[in-house]
Amino acid sequence: MSREVKYIGMDVHKEAIVIAVLNSSGQLVMESIVETKASSLLQFIHGLQGELHVTWEEGTWAAWLYDLLQPHVHQVLVCDPRRNAFIKGRQQERQDRCAEAS
């Protein structure tokens, strides 16, 4: 029996966390806003079935959130927003060079 994979992106704030859940095809299957509270987050995560992959950007709440969710999901990925901006900049540079070459 295969387990459906779900990818969960979290935008973490002091009062609430905005959550988007995608299926393995990248289609949005759920959006939710959950208060930044352990019991609320765990209730949300336990309501999902399948192989759960969770990500959010590094910030004030990242370590707490990692410690809370890591035992309950298949994978946790914490992103560095400065690195994301660097990658985006590099991608834009490549696109600009390709456009110039055309």
N, C-alpha and C. Protein backbone atom coordinates (compact mmCIF):
# COMPACT_ATOMS: atom_id res chain seq x y z
N MET A 1 0.85 -1.17 0.00
CA MET A 1 0.00 0.00 0.00
C MET A 1 0.90 1.24 0.00
N SER A 2 0.70 2.13 -0.99
CA SER A 2 1.52 3.34 -1.04
C SER A 2 0.83 4.47 -0.27
N ARG A 3 1.67 5.29 0.31
CA ARG A 3 1.15 6.43 1.05
C ARG A 3 1.26 7.67 0.19
N GLU A 4 0.20 8.44 0.13
CA GLU A 4 0.22 9.66 -0.66
C GLU A 4 1.16 10.68 -0.02
N VAL A 5 2.00 11.28 -0.86
CA VAL A 5 2.94 12.29 -0.40
C VAL A 5 2.24 13.66 -0.40
N LYS A 6 2.46 14.41 0.67
CA LYS A 6 1.95 15.78 0.76
C LYS A 6 3.12 16.70 1.11
N TYR A 7 3.15 17.84 0.43
CA TYR A 7 4.16 18.86 0.68
C TYR A 7 3.48 20.04 1.36
N ILE A 8 4.01 20.42 2.51
CA ILE A 8 3.37 21.43 3.34
C ILE A 8 4.32 22.62 3.48
N GLY A 9 3.88 23.77 3.00
CA GLY A 9 4.63 25.01 3.14
C GLY A 9 4.00 25.86 4.22
N MET A 10 4.85 26.43 5.09
CA MET A 10 4.35 27.24 6.20
C MET A 10 4.97 28.62 6.17
N ASP A 11 4.11 29.63 6.29
CA ASP A 11 4.55 31.02 6.44
C ASP A 11 4.30 31.36 7.90
N VAL A 12 5.37 31.40 8.68
CA VAL A 12 5.26 31.45 10.14
C VAL A 12 5.32 32.88 10.66
N HIS A 13 4.34 33.22 11.48
CA HIS A 13 4.27 34.53 12.13
C HIS A 13 4.00 34.34 13.62
N LYS A 14 4.14 35.39 14.38
CA LYS A 14 3.98 35.32 15.84
C LYS A 14 2.61 34.80 16.25
N GLU A 15 1.56 35.30 15.63
CA GLU A 15 0.20 34.95 16.03
C GLU A 15 -0.38 33.76 15.28
N ALA A 16 0.04 33.59 14.02
CA ALA A 16 -0.58 32.55 13.19
C ALA A 16 0.40 32.05 12.13
N ILE A 17 0.11 30.87 11.63
CA ILE A 17 0.89 30.25 10.56
C ILE A 17 -0.04 29.98 9.39
N VAL A 18 0.33 30.49 8.23
CA VAL A 18 -0.43 30.24 7.00
C VAL A 18 0.15 28.98 6.38
N ILE A 19 -0.70 28.01 6.10
CA ILE A 19 -0.25 26.71 5.63
C ILE A 19 -0.87 26.40 4.26
N ALA A 20 -0.04 25.91 3.35
CA ALA A 20 -0.52 25.42 2.06
C ALA A 20 -0.06 23.96 1.93
N VAL A 21 -0.98 23.11 1.51
CA VAL A 21 -0.68 21.69 1.34
C VAL A 21 -0.84 21.35 -0.14
N LEU A 22 0.23 20.78 -0.71
CA LEU A 22 0.22 20.35 -2.10
C LEU A 22 0.29 18.83 -2.17
N ASN A 23 -0.32 18.26 -3.21
CA ASN A 23 -0.18 16.81 -3.41
C ASN A 23 1.08 16.53 -4.22
N SER A 24 1.33 15.29 -4.53
CA SER A 24 2.56 14.91 -5.23
C SER A 24 2.62 15.46 -6.65
N SER A 25 1.48 15.91 -7.19
CA SER A 25 1.45 16.53 -8.52
C SER A 25 1.66 18.03 -8.45
N GLY A 26 1.78 18.56 -7.24
CA GLY A 26 1.97 20.00 -7.07
C GLY A 26 0.69 20.79 -7.03
N GLN A 27 -0.44 20.10 -6.96
CA GLN A 27 -1.73 20.79 -6.90
C GLN A 27 -2.06 21.15 -5.47
N LEU A 28 -2.58 22.36 -5.28
CA LEU A 28 -3.00 22.81 -3.96
C LEU A 28 -4.22 22.02 -3.53
N VAL A 29 -4.13 21.36 -2.39
CA VAL A 29 -5.27 20.57 -1.91
C VAL A 29 -5.88 21.16 -0.64
N MET A 30 -5.15 22.09 0.01
CA MET A 30 -5.69 22.67 1.23
C MET A 30 -4.90 23.92 1.59
N GLU A 31 -5.60 24.91 2.10
CA GLU A 31 -4.98 26.09 2.69
C GLU A 31 -5.62 26.30 4.06
N SER A 32 -4.83 26.74 5.00
CA SER A 32 -5.36 26.93 6.34
C SER A 32 -4.54 27.97 7.08
N ILE A 33 -5.13 28.56 8.08
CA ILE A 33 -4.43 29.45 9.00
C ILE A 33 -4.61 28.85 10.39
N VAL A 34 -3.49 28.60 11.05
CA VAL A 34 -3.48 27.95 12.35
C VAL A 34 -2.74 28.87 13.33
N GLU A 35 -3.25 28.96 14.54
CA GLU A 35 -2.54 29.79 15.51
C GLU A 35 -1.18 29.18 15.83
N THR A 36 -0.22 30.04 16.13
CA THR A 36 1.14 29.59 16.44
C THR A 36 1.16 29.05 17.86
N LYS A 37 0.66 27.85 17.97
CA LYS A 37 0.52 27.17 19.26
C LYS A 37 0.70 25.68 19.01
N ALA A 38 1.48 25.02 19.86
CA ALA A 38 1.82 23.62 19.64
C ALA A 38 0.59 22.74 19.44
N SER A 39 -0.39 22.86 20.30
CA SER A 39 -1.56 21.96 20.20
C SER A 39 -2.31 22.17 18.89
N SER A 40 -2.43 23.40 18.43
CA SER A 40 -3.14 23.68 17.18
C SER A 40 -2.39 23.12 15.98
N LEU A 41 -1.06 23.29 15.98
CA LEU A 41 -0.26 22.77 14.87
C LEU A 41 -0.28 21.25 14.82
N LEU A 42 -0.13 20.62 15.96
CA LEU A 42 -0.14 19.16 15.98
C LEU A 42 -1.51 18.61 15.58
N GLN A 43 -2.56 19.28 15.99
CA GLN A 43 -3.90 18.85 15.58
C GLN A 43 -4.02 18.92 14.06
N PHE A 44 -3.51 19.98 13.46
CA PHE A 44 -3.55 20.12 12.01
C PHE A 44 -2.75 19.00 11.34
N ILE A 45 -1.51 18.80 11.77
CA ILE A 45 -0.63 17.79 11.17
C ILE A 45 -1.22 16.39 11.33
N HIS A 46 -1.77 16.09 12.49
CA HIS A 46 -2.35 14.76 12.72
C HIS A 46 -3.63 14.54 11.90
N GLY A 47 -4.23 15.61 11.43
CA GLY A 47 -5.42 15.52 10.58
C GLY A 47 -5.09 15.16 9.14
N LEU A 48 -3.81 15.24 8.79
CA LEU A 48 -3.38 14.90 7.43
C LEU A 48 -2.90 13.46 7.39
N GLN A 49 -3.12 12.82 6.27
CA GLN A 49 -2.65 11.44 6.11
C GLN A 49 -1.62 11.39 5.00
N GLY A 50 -0.75 10.41 5.08
CA GLY A 50 0.25 10.23 4.04
C GLY A 50 1.63 10.57 4.52
N GLU A 51 2.54 10.63 3.58
CA GLU A 51 3.94 10.97 3.85
C GLU A 51 4.07 12.48 3.79
N LEU A 52 4.34 13.10 4.93
CA LEU A 52 4.31 14.56 5.04
C LEU A 52 5.73 15.15 4.97
N HIS A 53 5.91 16.11 4.07
CA HIS A 53 7.16 16.85 3.92
C HIS A 53 6.82 18.31 4.22
N VAL A 54 7.52 18.90 5.18
CA VAL A 54 7.17 20.24 5.67
C VAL A 54 8.35 21.19 5.46
N THR A 55 8.05 22.43 5.07
CA THR A 55 9.10 23.43 4.92
C THR A 55 8.63 24.80 5.36
N TRP A 56 9.60 25.60 5.82
CA TRP A 56 9.35 27.01 6.16
C TRP A 56 10.70 27.71 6.13
N GLU A 57 10.66 29.05 6.18
CA GLU A 57 11.89 29.82 6.18
C GLU A 57 12.45 29.96 7.59
N GLU A 58 13.78 29.99 7.66
CA GLU A 58 14.48 30.22 8.92
C GLU A 58 14.00 31.54 9.51
N GLY A 59 13.79 31.55 10.81
CA GLY A 59 13.35 32.76 11.50
C GLY A 59 13.22 32.50 12.99
N THR A 60 12.59 33.40 13.67
CA THR A 60 12.47 33.35 15.12
C THR A 60 11.87 32.03 15.62
N TRP A 61 10.89 31.52 14.90
CA TRP A 61 10.15 30.34 15.36
C TRP A 61 10.70 29.02 14.79
N ALA A 62 11.74 29.07 13.97
CA ALA A 62 12.18 27.89 13.22
C ALA A 62 12.61 26.73 14.12
N ALA A 63 13.42 26.99 15.13
CA ALA A 63 13.92 25.90 15.99
C ALA A 63 12.78 25.26 16.78
N TRP A 64 11.92 26.08 17.33
CA TRP A 64 10.77 25.57 18.09
C TRP A 64 9.88 24.71 17.19
N LEU A 65 9.62 25.21 16.00
CA LEU A 65 8.76 24.50 15.06
C LEU A 65 9.40 23.19 14.62
N TYR A 66 10.70 23.21 14.38
CA TYR A 66 11.42 22.00 14.00
C TYR A 66 11.29 20.94 15.10
N ASP A 67 11.59 21.33 16.33
CA ASP A 67 11.52 20.39 17.46
C ASP A 67 10.11 19.84 17.64
N LEU A 68 9.11 20.67 17.39
CA LEU A 68 7.71 20.25 17.54
C LEU A 68 7.29 19.26 16.45
N LEU A 69 7.60 19.58 15.20
CA LEU A 69 7.05 18.80 14.08
C LEU A 69 7.90 17.63 13.61
N GLN A 70 9.20 17.69 13.79
CA GLN A 70 10.10 16.67 13.26
C GLN A 70 9.69 15.24 13.64
N PRO A 71 9.26 14.99 14.87
CA PRO A 71 8.86 13.61 15.20
C PRO A 71 7.55 13.15 14.54
N HIS A 72 6.81 14.07 13.92
CA HIS A 72 5.47 13.75 13.40
C HIS A 72 5.37 13.73 11.88
N VAL A 73 6.48 14.05 11.20
CA VAL A 73 6.45 14.12 9.73
C VAL A 73 7.61 13.32 9.15
N HIS A 74 7.55 13.08 7.86
CA HIS A 74 8.61 12.31 7.18
C HIS A 74 9.88 13.15 7.01
N GLN A 75 9.72 14.43 6.64
CA GLN A 75 10.88 15.28 6.39
C GLN A 75 10.56 16.72 6.75
N VAL A 76 11.56 17.41 7.33
CA VAL A 76 11.48 18.84 7.61
C VAL A 76 12.62 19.52 6.85
N LEU A 77 12.30 20.60 6.16
CA LEU A 77 13.30 21.38 5.45
C LEU A 77 13.11 22.84 5.85
N VAL A 78 14.13 23.41 6.49
CA VAL A 78 14.09 24.82 6.88
C VAL A 78 14.97 25.57 5.89
N CYS A 79 14.39 26.56 5.22
CA CYS A 79 15.09 27.31 4.18
C CYS A 79 15.69 28.59 4.73
N ASP A 80 16.82 28.97 4.18
CA ASP A 80 17.48 30.23 4.51
C ASP A 80 17.00 31.28 3.51
N PRO A 81 16.22 32.27 3.94
CA PRO A 81 15.67 33.25 2.98
C PRO A 81 16.76 34.03 2.24
N ARG A 82 17.92 34.22 2.87
CA ARG A 82 19.01 34.91 2.17
C ARG A 82 19.54 34.03 1.04
N ARG A 83 19.62 32.74 1.26
CA ARG A 83 20.06 31.81 0.22
C ARG A 83 19.02 31.73 -0.89
N ASN A 84 17.74 31.75 -0.53
CA ASN A 84 16.68 31.72 -1.54
C ASN A 84 16.78 32.94 -2.45
N ALA A 85 17.05 34.12 -1.87
CA ALA A 85 17.19 35.34 -2.67
C ALA A 85 18.40 35.24 -3.58
N PHE A 86 19.50 34.65 -3.09
CA PHE A 86 20.70 34.45 -3.89
C PHE A 86 20.40 33.55 -5.08
N ILE A 87 19.72 32.45 -4.84
CA ILE A 87 19.37 31.51 -5.92
C ILE A 87 18.48 32.20 -6.93
N LYS A 88 17.49 32.94 -6.46
CA LYS A 88 16.57 33.64 -7.36
C LYS A 88 17.36 34.64 -8.22
N GLY A 89 18.30 35.35 -7.61
CA GLY A 89 19.13 36.30 -8.34
C GLY A 89 19.95 35.61 -9.41
N ARG A 90 20.51 34.46 -9.09
CA ARG A 90 21.32 33.69 -10.06
C ARG A 90 20.44 33.21 -11.21
N GLN A 91 19.22 32.79 -10.89
CA GLN A 91 18.31 32.33 -11.95
C GLN A 91 17.97 33.49 -12.88
N GLN A 92 17.75 34.67 -12.31
CA GLN A 92 17.42 35.85 -13.12
C GLN A 92 18.61 36.22 -14.01
N GLU A 93 19.83 36.13 -13.48
CA GLU A 93 21.03 36.42 -14.28
C GLU A 93 21.11 35.47 -15.47
N ARG A 94 20.85 34.18 -15.25
CA ARG A 94 20.89 33.21 -16.35
C ARG A 94 19.82 33.53 -17.39
N GLN A 95 18.62 33.89 -16.93
CA GLN A 95 17.55 34.23 -17.86
C GLN A 95 17.91 35.45 -18.69
N ASP A 96 18.53 36.44 -18.03
CA ASP A 96 18.94 37.65 -18.75
C ASP A 96 20.00 37.33 -19.81
N ARG A 97 20.98 36.47 -19.45
CA ARG A 97 22.02 36.09 -20.42
C ARG A 97 21.42 35.31 -21.59
N CYS A 98 20.46 34.45 -21.30
CA CYS A 98 19.81 33.69 -22.37
C CYS A 98 19.04 34.62 -23.31
N ALA A 99 18.37 35.61 -22.73
CA ALA A 99 17.60 36.56 -23.53
C ALA A 99 18.54 37.37 -24.43
N GLU A 100 19.72 37.76 -23.89
CA GLU A 100 20.69 38.52 -24.67
C GLU A 100 21.24 37.69 -25.82
N ALA A 101 21.41 36.40 -25.58
CA ALA A 101 21.97 35.52 -26.60
C ALA A 101 20.99 35.24 -27.73
N SER A 102 19.71 35.41 -27.47
CA SER A 102 18.69 35.09 -28.49
C SER A 102 18.65 36.14 -29.58
